[in-house]
Amino acid sequence: STSTTISQTVADDSVSLQADIFPATVGNNSIHLYAYTLDNKPLP
């Protein structure tokens, strides 16, 4: 339960960015980034 993934979505006027950080603890962490349009379509 403590080894969790922090998942947040931040956006501006043109991009919606989802960021996942795992395991969100001191030490090595992996970060996954996903870009979408404001209507939730994949954005190159």
PDB file of all heavy atoms in Angstrom:
ATOM      1  N   SER A   1       0.809  -1.210   0.000  1.00  0.00           N
ATOM      2  CA  SER A   1       0.000   0.000   0.000  1.00  0.00           C
ATOM      3  C   SER A   1       0.850   1.270   0.000  1.00  0.00           C
ATOM      4  O   SER A   1       0.428   2.308  -0.495  1.00  0.00           O
ATOM      5  CB  SER A   1      -0.938   0.016   1.209  1.00  0.00           C
ATOM      6  OG  SER A   1      -0.202   0.072   2.409  1.00  0.00           O
ATOM      7  N   THR A   2       2.062   1.201   0.544  1.00  0.00           N
ATOM      8  CA  THR A   2       2.911   2.392   0.573  1.00  0.00           C
ATOM      9  C   THR A   2       3.708   2.560  -0.719  1.00  0.00           C
ATOM     10  O   THR A   2       4.207   3.643  -0.987  1.00  0.00           O
ATOM     11  CB  THR A   2       3.888   2.318   1.756  1.00  0.00           C
ATOM     12  OG1 THR A   2       4.649   1.101   1.678  1.00  0.00           O
ATOM     13  CG2 THR A   2       3.142   2.342   3.071  1.00  0.00           C
ATOM     14  N   SER A   3       3.840   1.475  -1.489  1.00  0.00           N
ATOM     15  CA  SER A   3       4.537   1.581  -2.764  1.00  0.00           C
ATOM     16  C   SER A   3       3.526   2.004  -3.823  1.00  0.00           C
ATOM     17  O   SER A   3       3.025   1.188  -4.592  1.00  0.00           O
ATOM     18  CB  SER A   3       5.182   0.235  -3.126  1.00  0.00           C
ATOM     19  OG  SER A   3       6.149  -0.119  -2.191  1.00  0.00           O
ATOM     20  N   THR A   4       3.199   3.288  -3.874  1.00  0.00           N
ATOM     21  CA  THR A   4       2.139   3.780  -4.728  1.00  0.00           C
ATOM     22  C   THR A   4       2.708   4.579  -5.884  1.00  0.00           C
ATOM     23  O   THR A   4       3.863   5.004  -5.884  1.00  0.00           O
ATOM     24  CB  THR A   4       1.171   4.666  -3.928  1.00  0.00           C
ATOM     25  OG1 THR A   4       1.908   5.731  -3.346  1.00  0.00           O
ATOM     26  CG2 THR A   4       0.490   3.864  -2.831  1.00  0.00           C
ATOM     27  N   THR A   5       1.842   4.776  -6.868  1.00  0.00           N
ATOM     28  CA  THR A   5       2.170   5.625  -8.002  1.00  0.00           C
ATOM     29  C   THR A   5       1.444   6.953  -7.845  1.00  0.00           C
ATOM     30  O   THR A   5       0.231   6.979  -7.637  1.00  0.00           O
ATOM     31  CB  THR A   5       1.746   4.951  -9.320  1.00  0.00           C
ATOM     32  OG1 THR A   5       2.491   3.754  -9.490  1.00  0.00           O
ATOM     33  CG2 THR A   5       2.002   5.877 -10.501  1.00  0.00           C
ATOM     34  N   ILE A   6       2.178   8.041  -7.924  1.00  0.00           N
ATOM     35  CA  ILE A   6       1.557   9.368  -7.943  1.00  0.00           C
ATOM     36  C   ILE A   6       1.197   9.685  -9.392  1.00  0.00           C
ATOM     37  O   ILE A   6       2.054   9.679 -10.275  1.00  0.00           O
ATOM     38  CB  ILE A   6       2.500  10.435  -7.374  1.00  0.00           C
ATOM     39  CG1 ILE A   6       2.689  10.219  -5.873  1.00  0.00           C
ATOM     40  CG2 ILE A   6       1.952  11.827  -7.641  1.00  0.00           C
ATOM     41  CD1 ILE A   6       3.628  11.208  -5.239  1.00  0.00           C
ATOM     42  N   SER A   7      -0.077   9.937  -9.631  1.00  0.00           N
ATOM     43  CA  SER A   7      -0.541  10.240 -10.977  1.00  0.00           C
ATOM     44  C   SER A   7      -1.269  11.584 -10.955  1.00  0.00           C
ATOM     45  O   SER A   7      -2.261  11.741 -10.235  1.00  0.00           O
ATOM     46  CB  SER A   7      -1.466   9.138 -11.491  1.00  0.00           C
ATOM     47  OG  SER A   7      -1.869   9.384 -12.823  1.00  0.00           O
ATOM     48  N   GLN A   8      -0.741  12.550 -11.717  1.00  0.00           N
ATOM     49  CA  GLN A   8      -1.367  13.868 -11.775  1.00  0.00           C
ATOM     50  C   GLN A   8      -1.484  14.326 -13.228  1.00  0.00           C
ATOM     51  O   GLN A   8      -0.683  13.929 -14.089  1.00  0.00           O
ATOM     52  CB  GLN A   8      -0.547  14.903 -10.994  1.00  0.00           C
ATOM     53  CG  GLN A   8      -0.520  14.693  -9.497  1.00  0.00           C
ATOM     54  CD  GLN A   8       0.173  15.856  -8.791  1.00  0.00           C
ATOM     55  OE1 GLN A   8       0.191  16.993  -9.286  1.00  0.00           O
ATOM     56  NE2 GLN A   8       0.744  15.567  -7.632  1.00  0.00           N
ATOM     57  N   THR A   9      -2.486  15.151 -13.483  1.00  0.00           N
ATOM     58  CA  THR A   9      -2.678  15.732 -14.812  1.00  0.00           C
ATOM     59  C   THR A   9      -2.601  17.257 -14.693  1.00  0.00           C
ATOM     60  O   THR A   9      -3.309  17.860 -13.869  1.00  0.00           O
ATOM     61  CB  THR A   9      -4.026  15.326 -15.409  1.00  0.00           C
ATOM     62  OG1 THR A   9      -4.074  13.907 -15.541  1.00  0.00           O
ATOM     63  CG2 THR A   9      -4.220  15.965 -16.779  1.00  0.00           C
ATOM     64  N   VAL A  10      -1.718  17.847 -15.451  1.00  0.00           N
ATOM     65  CA  VAL A  10      -1.582  19.307 -15.496  1.00  0.00           C
ATOM     66  C   VAL A  10      -1.831  19.759 -16.934  1.00  0.00           C
ATOM     67  O   VAL A  10      -1.556  19.014 -17.890  1.00  0.00           O
ATOM     68  CB  VAL A  10      -0.191  19.754 -15.016  1.00  0.00           C
ATOM     69  CG1 VAL A  10      -0.041  19.527 -13.530  1.00  0.00           C
ATOM     70  CG2 VAL A  10       0.917  19.021 -15.765  1.00  0.00           C
ATOM     71  N   ALA A  11      -2.362  20.960 -17.096  1.00  0.00           N
ATOM     72  CA  ALA A  11      -2.741  21.409 -18.443  1.00  0.00           C
ATOM     73  C   ALA A  11      -2.585  22.916 -18.566  1.00  0.00           C
ATOM     74  O   ALA A  11      -2.566  23.667 -17.563  1.00  0.00           O
ATOM     75  CB  ALA A  11      -4.176  20.992 -18.748  1.00  0.00           C
ATOM     76  N   ASP A  12      -2.460  23.358 -19.809  1.00  0.00           N
ATOM     77  CA  ASP A  12      -2.537  24.781 -20.126  1.00  0.00           C
ATOM     78  C   ASP A  12      -3.568  24.952 -21.242  1.00  0.00           C
ATOM     79  O   ASP A  12      -4.452  24.097 -21.395  1.00  0.00           O
ATOM     80  CB  ASP A  12      -1.158  25.345 -20.499  1.00  0.00           C
ATOM     81  CG  ASP A  12      -0.557  24.687 -21.725  1.00  0.00           C
ATOM     82  OD1 ASP A  12      -1.281  23.908 -22.395  1.00  0.00           O
ATOM     83  OD2 ASP A  12       0.616  24.954 -22.028  1.00  0.00           O
ATOM     84  N   ASP A  13      -3.447  25.979 -22.038  1.00  0.00           N
ATOM     85  CA  ASP A  13      -4.466  26.244 -23.059  1.00  0.00           C
ATOM     86  C   ASP A  13      -4.410  25.290 -24.234  1.00  0.00           C
ATOM     87  O   ASP A  13      -5.362  25.205 -25.015  1.00  0.00           O
ATOM     88  CB  ASP A  13      -4.320  27.693 -23.578  1.00  0.00           C
ATOM     89  CG  ASP A  13      -4.635  28.720 -22.505  1.00  0.00           C
ATOM     90  OD1 ASP A  13      -5.354  28.348 -21.545  1.00  0.00           O
ATOM     91  OD2 ASP A  13      -4.147  29.869 -22.617  1.00  0.00           O
ATOM     92  N   SER A  14      -3.302  24.531 -24.364  1.00  0.00           N
ATOM     93  CA  SER A  14      -3.163  23.690 -25.560  1.00  0.00           C
ATOM     94  C   SER A  14      -2.782  22.243 -25.278  1.00  0.00           C
ATOM     95  O   SER A  14      -2.949  21.376 -26.123  1.00  0.00           O
ATOM     96  CB  SER A  14      -2.116  24.293 -26.503  1.00  0.00           C
ATOM     97  OG  SER A  14      -0.864  24.418 -25.840  1.00  0.00           O
ATOM     98  N   VAL A  15      -2.256  21.942 -24.091  1.00  0.00           N
ATOM     99  CA  VAL A  15      -1.748  20.601 -23.791  1.00  0.00           C
ATOM    100  C   VAL A  15      -2.291  20.125 -22.443  1.00  0.00           C
ATOM    101  O   VAL A  15      -2.355  20.911 -21.481  1.00  0.00           O
ATOM    102  CB  VAL A  15      -0.207  20.574 -23.756  1.00  0.00           C
ATOM    103  CG1 VAL A  15       0.303  19.194 -23.368  1.00  0.00           C
ATOM    104  CG2 VAL A  15       0.362  20.992 -25.090  1.00  0.00           C
ATOM    105  N   SER A  16      -2.666  18.854 -22.399  1.00  0.00           N
ATOM    106  CA  SER A  16      -2.995  18.172 -21.135  1.00  0.00           C
ATOM    107  C   SER A  16      -1.946  17.090 -20.934  1.00  0.00           C
ATOM    108  O   SER A  16      -1.806  16.187 -21.778  1.00  0.00           O
ATOM    109  CB  SER A  16      -4.394  17.566 -21.196  1.00  0.00           C
ATOM    110  OG  SER A  16      -4.673  16.854 -20.005  1.00  0.00           O
ATOM    111  N   LEU A  17      -1.193  17.189 -19.838  1.00  0.00           N
ATOM    112  CA  LEU A  17      -0.069  16.277 -19.604  1.00  0.00           C
ATOM    113  C   LEU A  17      -0.329  15.444 -18.360  1.00  0.00           C
ATOM    114  O   LEU A  17      -0.573  15.984 -17.278  1.00  0.00           O
ATOM    115  CB  LEU A  17       1.230  17.060 -19.436  1.00  0.00           C
ATOM    116  CG  LEU A  17       2.500  16.226 -19.244  1.00  0.00           C
ATOM    117  CD1 LEU A  17       2.848  15.486 -20.526  1.00  0.00           C
ATOM    118  CD2 LEU A  17       3.654  17.112 -18.806  1.00  0.00           C
ATOM    119  N   GLN A  18      -0.303  14.115 -18.531  1.00  0.00           N
ATOM    120  CA  GLN A  18      -0.414  13.205 -17.384  1.00  0.00           C
ATOM    121  C   GLN A  18       0.981  12.734 -17.006  1.00  0.00           C
ATOM    122  O   GLN A  18       1.741  12.260 -17.856  1.00  0.00           O
ATOM    123  CB  GLN A  18      -1.290  11.997 -17.718  1.00  0.00           C
ATOM    124  CG  GLN A  18      -1.373  10.995 -16.574  1.00  0.00           C
ATOM    125  CD  GLN A  18      -1.947   9.661 -17.002  1.00  0.00           C
ATOM    126  OE1 GLN A  18      -2.798   9.610 -17.871  1.00  0.00           O
ATOM    127  NE2 GLN A  18      -1.472   8.582 -16.397  1.00  0.00           N
ATOM    128  N   ALA A  19       1.312  12.863 -15.706  1.00  0.00           N
ATOM    129  CA  ALA A  19       2.621  12.440 -15.198  1.00  0.00           C
ATOM    130  C   ALA A  19       2.418  11.384 -14.114  1.00  0.00           C
ATOM    131  O   ALA A  19       1.682  11.617 -13.151  1.00  0.00           O
ATOM    132  CB  ALA A  19       3.396  13.623 -14.638  1.00  0.00           C
ATOM    133  N   ASP A  20       3.063  10.218 -14.288  1.00  0.00           N
ATOM    134  CA  ASP A  20       3.022   9.126 -13.302  1.00  0.00           C
ATOM    135  C   ASP A  20       4.414   8.955 -12.723  1.00  0.00           C
ATOM    136  O   ASP A  20       5.392   8.776 -13.474  1.00  0.00           O
ATOM    137  CB  ASP A  20       2.568   7.813 -13.940  1.00  0.00           C
ATOM    138  CG  ASP A  20       1.132   7.885 -14.450  1.00  0.00           C
ATOM    139  OD1 ASP A  20       0.392   8.767 -13.992  1.00  0.00           O
ATOM    140  OD2 ASP A  20       0.766   7.059 -15.316  1.00  0.00           O
ATOM    141  N   ILE A  21       4.527   8.994 -11.380  1.00  0.00           N
ATOM    142  CA  ILE A  21       5.818   8.819 -10.697  1.00  0.00           C
ATOM    143  C   ILE A  21       5.717   7.598  -9.803  1.00  0.00           C
ATOM    144  O   ILE A  21       4.819   7.512  -8.944  1.00  0.00           O
ATOM    145  CB  ILE A  21       6.168  10.065  -9.856  1.00  0.00           C
ATOM    146  CG1 ILE A  21       6.175  11.317 -10.742  1.00  0.00           C
ATOM    147  CG2 ILE A  21       7.515   9.883  -9.168  1.00  0.00           C
ATOM    148  CD1 ILE A  21       6.332  12.604  -9.964  1.00  0.00           C
ATOM    149  N   PHE A  22       6.621   6.658  -9.994  1.00  0.00           N
ATOM    150  CA  PHE A  22       6.596   5.404  -9.228  1.00  0.00           C
ATOM    151  C   PHE A  22       8.006   5.069  -8.752  1.00  0.00           C
ATOM    152  O   PHE A  22       8.956   5.191  -9.510  1.00  0.00           O
ATOM    153  CB  PHE A  22       6.063   4.263 -10.094  1.00  0.00           C
ATOM    154  CG  PHE A  22       6.065   2.926  -9.409  1.00  0.00           C
ATOM    155  CD1 PHE A  22       5.034   2.574  -8.566  1.00  0.00           C
ATOM    156  CD2 PHE A  22       7.114   2.032  -9.591  1.00  0.00           C
ATOM    157  CE1 PHE A  22       5.029   1.353  -7.922  1.00  0.00           C
ATOM    158  CE2 PHE A  22       7.128   0.811  -8.943  1.00  0.00           C
ATOM    159  CZ  PHE A  22       6.079   0.472  -8.113  1.00  0.00           C
ATOM    160  N   PRO A  23       8.189   4.639  -7.473  1.00  0.00           N
ATOM    161  CA  PRO A  23       7.180   4.420  -6.422  1.00  0.00           C
ATOM    162  C   PRO A  23       6.976   5.627  -5.515  1.00  0.00           C
ATOM    163  O   PRO A  23       6.409   5.493  -4.452  1.00  0.00           O
ATOM    164  CB  PRO A  23       7.770   3.262  -5.640  1.00  0.00           C
ATOM    165  CG  PRO A  23       9.249   3.484  -5.713  1.00  0.00           C
ATOM    166  CD  PRO A  23       9.512   4.090  -7.065  1.00  0.00           C
ATOM    167  N   ALA A  24       7.449   6.780  -5.931  1.00  0.00           N
ATOM    168  CA  ALA A  24       7.275   8.018  -5.154  1.00  0.00           C
ATOM    169  C   ALA A  24       7.937   7.927  -3.785  1.00  0.00           C
ATOM    170  O   ALA A  24       7.401   8.402  -2.788  1.00  0.00           O
ATOM    171  CB  ALA A  24       5.796   8.371  -5.013  1.00  0.00           C
ATOM    172  N   THR A  25       9.093   7.319  -3.712  1.00  0.00           N
ATOM    173  CA  THR A  25       9.863   7.206  -2.478  1.00  0.00           C
ATOM    174  C   THR A  25      11.302   7.638  -2.755  1.00  0.00           C
ATOM    175  O   THR A  25      11.724   7.750  -3.916  1.00  0.00           O
ATOM    176  CB  THR A  25       9.854   5.766  -1.949  1.00  0.00           C
ATOM    177  OG1 THR A  25      10.393   4.883  -2.950  1.00  0.00           O
ATOM    178  CG2 THR A  25       8.445   5.316  -1.593  1.00  0.00           C
ATOM    179  N   VAL A  26      12.052   7.877  -1.685  1.00  0.00           N
ATOM    180  CA  VAL A  26      13.456   8.247  -1.835  1.00  0.00           C
ATOM    181  C   VAL A  26      14.206   7.135  -2.555  1.00  0.00           C
ATOM    182  O   VAL A  26      14.045   5.953  -2.233  1.00  0.00           O
ATOM    183  CB  VAL A  26      14.089   8.536  -0.463  1.00  0.00           C
ATOM    184  CG1 VAL A  26      15.585   8.752  -0.597  1.00  0.00           C
ATOM    185  CG2 VAL A  26      13.414   9.740   0.190  1.00  0.00           C
ATOM    186  N   GLY A  27      15.004   7.499  -3.527  1.00  0.00           N
ATOM    187  CA  GLY A  27      15.740   6.519  -4.314  1.00  0.00           C
ATOM    188  C   GLY A  27      15.326   6.600  -5.772  1.00  0.00           C
ATOM    189  O   GLY A  27      14.838   7.632  -6.254  1.00  0.00           O
ATOM    190  N   ASN A  28      15.521   5.506  -6.480  1.00  0.00           N
ATOM    191  CA  ASN A  28      15.221   5.487  -7.910  1.00  0.00           C
ATOM    192  C   ASN A  28      13.713   5.548  -8.148  1.00  0.00           C
ATOM    193  O   ASN A  28      12.933   4.840  -7.508  1.00  0.00           O
ATOM    194  CB  ASN A  28      15.788   4.226  -8.557  1.00  0.00           C
ATOM    195  CG  ASN A  28      17.307   4.244  -8.598  1.00  0.00           C
ATOM    196  OD1 ASN A  28      17.917   5.312  -8.709  1.00  0.00           O
ATOM    197  ND2 ASN A  28      17.929   3.078  -8.513  1.00  0.00           N
ATOM    198  N   ASN A  29      13.315   6.392  -9.090  1.00  0.00           N
ATOM    199  CA  ASN A  29      11.909   6.544  -9.461  1.00  0.00           C
ATOM    200  C   ASN A  29      11.787   6.576 -10.978  1.00  0.00           C
ATOM    201  O   ASN A  29      12.684   7.068 -11.683  1.00  0.00           O
ATOM    202  CB  ASN A  29      11.325   7.842  -8.897  1.00  0.00           C
ATOM    203  CG  ASN A  29      11.016   7.751  -7.412  1.00  0.00           C
ATOM    204  OD1 ASN A  29       9.891   7.519  -7.020  1.00  0.00           O
ATOM    205  ND2 ASN A  29      12.041   7.932  -6.574  1.00  0.00           N
ATOM    206  N   SER A  30      10.670   6.040 -11.451  1.00  0.00           N
ATOM    207  CA  SER A  30      10.351   6.088 -12.879  1.00  0.00           C
ATOM    208  C   SER A  30       9.266   7.134 -13.105  1.00  0.00           C
ATOM    209  O   SER A  30       8.321   7.242 -12.317  1.00  0.00           O
ATOM    210  CB  SER A  30       9.871   4.722 -13.381  1.00  0.00           C
ATOM    211  OG  SER A  30      10.896   3.766 -13.291  1.00  0.00           O
ATOM    212  N   ILE A  31       9.417   7.875 -14.192  1.00  0.00           N
ATOM    213  CA  ILE A  31       8.441   8.904 -14.553  1.00  0.00           C
ATOM    214  C   ILE A  31       7.915   8.602 -15.952  1.00  0.00           C
ATOM    215  O   ILE A  31       8.699   8.439 -16.899  1.00  0.00           O
ATOM    216  CB  ILE A  31       9.068  10.313 -14.525  1.00  0.00           C
ATOM    217  CG1 ILE A  31       9.573  10.636 -13.114  1.00  0.00           C
ATOM    218  CG2 ILE A  31       8.051  11.356 -14.986  1.00  0.00           C
ATOM    219  CD1 ILE A  31      10.246  11.994 -13.008  1.00  0.00           C
ATOM    220  N   HIS A  32       6.589   8.490 -16.074  1.00  0.00           N
ATOM    221  CA  HIS A  32       5.934   8.292 -17.364  1.00  0.00           C
ATOM    222  C   HIS A  32       5.129   9.547 -17.685  1.00  0.00           C
ATOM    223  O   HIS A  32       4.370  10.044 -16.841  1.00  0.00           O
ATOM    224  CB  HIS A  32       5.012   7.075 -17.329  1.00  0.00           C
ATOM    225  CG  HIS A  32       5.743   5.770 -17.353  1.00  0.00           C
ATOM    226  ND1 HIS A  32       5.859   4.997 -18.482  1.00  0.00           N
ATOM    227  CD2 HIS A  32       6.422   5.112 -16.376  1.00  0.00           C
ATOM    228  CE1 HIS A  32       6.558   3.913 -18.210  1.00  0.00           C
ATOM    229  NE2 HIS A  32       6.920   3.956 -16.927  1.00  0.00           N
ATOM    230  N   LEU A  33       5.288  10.055 -18.894  1.00  0.00           N
ATOM    231  CA  LEU A  33       4.581  11.257 -19.336  1.00  0.00           C
ATOM    232  C   LEU A  33       3.718  10.919 -20.549  1.00  0.00           C
ATOM    233  O   LEU A  33       4.170  10.248 -21.488  1.00  0.00           O
ATOM    234  CB  LEU A  33       5.581  12.356 -19.707  1.00  0.00           C
ATOM    235  CG  LEU A  33       6.550  12.805 -18.599  1.00  0.00           C
ATOM    236  CD1 LEU A  33       7.540  13.829 -19.152  1.00  0.00           C
ATOM    237  CD2 LEU A  33       5.790  13.382 -17.419  1.00  0.00           C
ATOM    238  N   TYR A  34       2.450  11.390 -20.536  1.00  0.00           N
ATOM    239  CA  TYR A  34       1.512  11.174 -21.627  1.00  0.00           C
ATOM    240  C   TYR A  34       0.921  12.525 -22.022  1.00  0.00           C
ATOM    241  O   TYR A  34       0.414  13.265 -21.153  1.00  0.00           O
ATOM    242  CB  TYR A  34       0.376  10.239 -21.214  1.00  0.00           C
ATOM    243  CG  TYR A  34       0.838   8.901 -20.671  1.00  0.00           C
ATOM    244  CD1 TYR A  34       1.033   8.720 -19.305  1.00  0.00           C
ATOM    245  CD2 TYR A  34       1.086   7.833 -21.521  1.00  0.00           C
ATOM    246  CE1 TYR A  34       1.445   7.510 -18.795  1.00  0.00           C
ATOM    247  CE2 TYR A  34       1.508   6.602 -21.021  1.00  0.00           C
ATOM    248  CZ  TYR A  34       1.697   6.450 -19.655  1.00  0.00           C
ATOM    249  OH  TYR A  34       2.111   5.245 -19.149  1.00  0.00           O
ATOM    250  N   ALA A  35       0.983  12.865 -23.293  1.00  0.00           N
ATOM    251  CA  ALA A  35       0.473  14.146 -23.778  1.00  0.00           C
ATOM    252  C   ALA A  35      -0.847  13.939 -24.519  1.00  0.00           C
ATOM    253  O   ALA A  35      -0.967  13.036 -25.372  1.00  0.00           O
ATOM    254  CB  ALA A  35       1.492  14.815 -24.692  1.00  0.00           C
ATOM    255  N   TYR A  36      -1.829  14.783 -24.179  1.00  0.00           N
ATOM    256  CA  TYR A  36      -3.138  14.711 -24.818  1.00  0.00           C
ATOM    257  C   TYR A  36      -3.582  16.112 -25.198  1.00  0.00           C
ATOM    258  O   TYR A  36      -3.131  17.123 -24.632  1.00  0.00           O
ATOM    259  CB  TYR A  36      -4.191  14.112 -23.871  1.00  0.00           C
ATOM    260  CG  TYR A  36      -3.896  12.702 -23.432  1.00  0.00           C
ATOM    261  CD1 TYR A  36      -3.254  12.458 -22.217  1.00  0.00           C
ATOM    262  CD2 TYR A  36      -4.251  11.614 -24.217  1.00  0.00           C
ATOM    263  CE1 TYR A  36      -2.988  11.170 -21.791  1.00  0.00           C
ATOM    264  CE2 TYR A  36      -3.988  10.318 -23.802  1.00  0.00           C
ATOM    265  CZ  TYR A  36      -3.359  10.098 -22.599  1.00  0.00           C
ATOM    266  OH  TYR A  36      -3.094   8.830 -22.191  1.00  0.00           O
ATOM    267  N   THR A  37      -4.511  16.149 -26.138  1.00  0.00           N
ATOM    268  CA  THR A  37      -5.179  17.416 -26.426  1.00  0.00           C
ATOM    269  C   THR A  37      -6.183  17.679 -25.308  1.00  0.00           C
ATOM    270  O   THR A  37      -6.426  16.815 -24.459  1.00  0.00           O
ATOM    271  CB  THR A  37      -5.891  17.350 -27.781  1.00  0.00           C
ATOM    272  OG1 THR A  37      -6.914  16.337 -27.729  1.00  0.00           O
ATOM    273  CG2 THR A  37      -4.908  17.030 -28.903  1.00  0.00           C
ATOM    274  N   LEU A  38      -6.794  18.841 -25.334  1.00  0.00           N
ATOM    275  CA  LEU A  38      -7.735  19.172 -24.271  1.00  0.00           C
ATOM    276  C   LEU A  38      -8.997  18.326 -24.335  1.00  0.00           C
ATOM    277  O   LEU A  38      -9.739  18.241 -23.348  1.00  0.00           O
ATOM    278  CB  LEU A  38      -8.096  20.667 -24.347  1.00  0.00           C
ATOM    279  CG  LEU A  38      -6.925  21.629 -24.103  1.00  0.00           C
ATOM    280  CD1 LEU A  38      -7.415  23.064 -24.142  1.00  0.00           C
ATOM    281  CD2 LEU A  38      -6.230  21.331 -22.779  1.00  0.00           C
ATOM    282  N   ASP A  39      -9.251  17.678 -25.491  1.00  0.00           N
ATOM    283  CA  ASP A  39     -10.404  16.775 -25.581  1.00  0.00           C
ATOM    284  C   ASP A  39      -9.978  15.302 -25.455  1.00  0.00           C
ATOM    285  O   ASP A  39     -10.640  14.401 -25.962  1.00  0.00           O
ATOM    286  CB  ASP A  39     -11.176  17.003 -26.878  1.00  0.00           C
ATOM    287  CG  ASP A  39     -10.287  16.857 -28.112  1.00  0.00           C
ATOM    288  OD1 ASP A  39      -9.055  16.648 -27.940  1.00  0.00           O
ATOM    289  OD2 ASP A  39     -10.806  16.954 -29.238  1.00  0.00           O
ATOM    290  N   ASN A  40      -8.815  15.079 -24.775  1.00  0.00           N
ATOM    291  CA  ASN A  40      -8.337  13.738 -24.415  1.00  0.00           C
ATOM    292  C   ASN A  40      -7.976  12.857 -25.610  1.00  0.00           C
ATOM    293  O   ASN A  40      -8.163  11.641 -25.578  1.00  0.00           O
ATOM    294  CB  ASN A  40      -9.378  13.005 -23.551  1.00  0.00           C
ATOM    295  CG  ASN A  40      -9.386  13.499 -22.137  1.00  0.00           C
ATOM    296  OD1 ASN A  40      -8.348  13.889 -21.595  1.00  0.00           O
ATOM    297  ND2 ASN A  40     -10.555  13.517 -21.523  1.00  0.00           N
ATOM    298  N   LYS A  41      -7.403  13.459 -26.640  1.00  0.00           N
ATOM    299  CA  LYS A  41      -6.874  12.676 -27.752  1.00  0.00           C
ATOM    300  C   LYS A  41      -5.350  12.731 -27.703  1.00  0.00           C
ATOM    301  O   LYS A  41      -4.778  13.753 -27.308  1.00  0.00           O
ATOM    302  CB  LYS A  41      -7.381  13.233 -29.089  1.00  0.00           C
ATOM    303  CG  LYS A  41      -8.884  13.071 -29.277  1.00  0.00           C
ATOM    304  CD  LYS A  41      -9.325  13.622 -30.625  1.00  0.00           C
ATOM    305  CE  LYS A  41     -10.834  13.451 -30.803  1.00  0.00           C
ATOM    306  NZ  LYS A  41     -11.309  14.012 -32.106  1.00  0.00           N
ATOM    307  N   PRO A  42      -4.653  11.623 -28.074  1.00  0.00           N
ATOM    308  CA  PRO A  42      -3.187  11.633 -28.045  1.00  0.00           C
ATOM    309  C   PRO A  42      -2.612  12.795 -28.861  1.00  0.00           C
ATOM    310  O   PRO A  42      -3.062  13.074 -29.976  1.00  0.00           O
ATOM    311  CB  PRO A  42      -2.819  10.276 -28.653  1.00  0.00           C
ATOM    312  CG  PRO A  42      -4.009   9.417 -28.383  1.00  0.00           C
ATOM    313  CD  PRO A  42      -5.203  10.321 -28.493  1.00  0.00           C
ATOM    314  N   LEU A  43      -1.613  13.469 -28.271  1.00  0.00           N
ATOM    315  CA  LEU A  43      -0.992  14.630 -28.907  1.00  0.00           C
ATOM    316  C   LEU A  43       0.473  14.314 -29.210  1.00  0.00           C
ATOM    317  O   LEU A  43       1.270  14.095 -28.282  1.00  0.00           O
ATOM    318  CB  LEU A  43      -1.085  15.855 -27.985  1.00  0.00           C
ATOM    319  CG  LEU A  43      -0.416  17.136 -28.476  1.00  0.00           C
ATOM    320  CD1 LEU A  43      -1.105  17.651 -29.739  1.00  0.00           C
ATOM    321  CD2 LEU A  43      -0.434  18.200 -27.378  1.00  0.00           C
ATOM    322  N   PRO A  44       0.863  14.259 -30.494  1.00  0.00           N
ATOM    323  CA  PRO A  44       2.266  13.985 -30.827  1.00  0.00           C
ATOM    324  C   PRO A  44       3.191  15.067 -30.274  1.00  0.00           C
ATOM    325  O   PRO A  44       2.884  16.265 -30.338  1.00  0.00           O
ATOM    326  CB  PRO A  44       2.276  13.981 -32.362  1.00  0.00           C
ATOM    327  CG  PRO A  44       0.848  13.679 -32.749  1.00  0.00           C
ATOM    328  CD  PRO A  44       0.007  14.344 -31.696  1.00  0.00           C
TER     329      PRO A  44
END
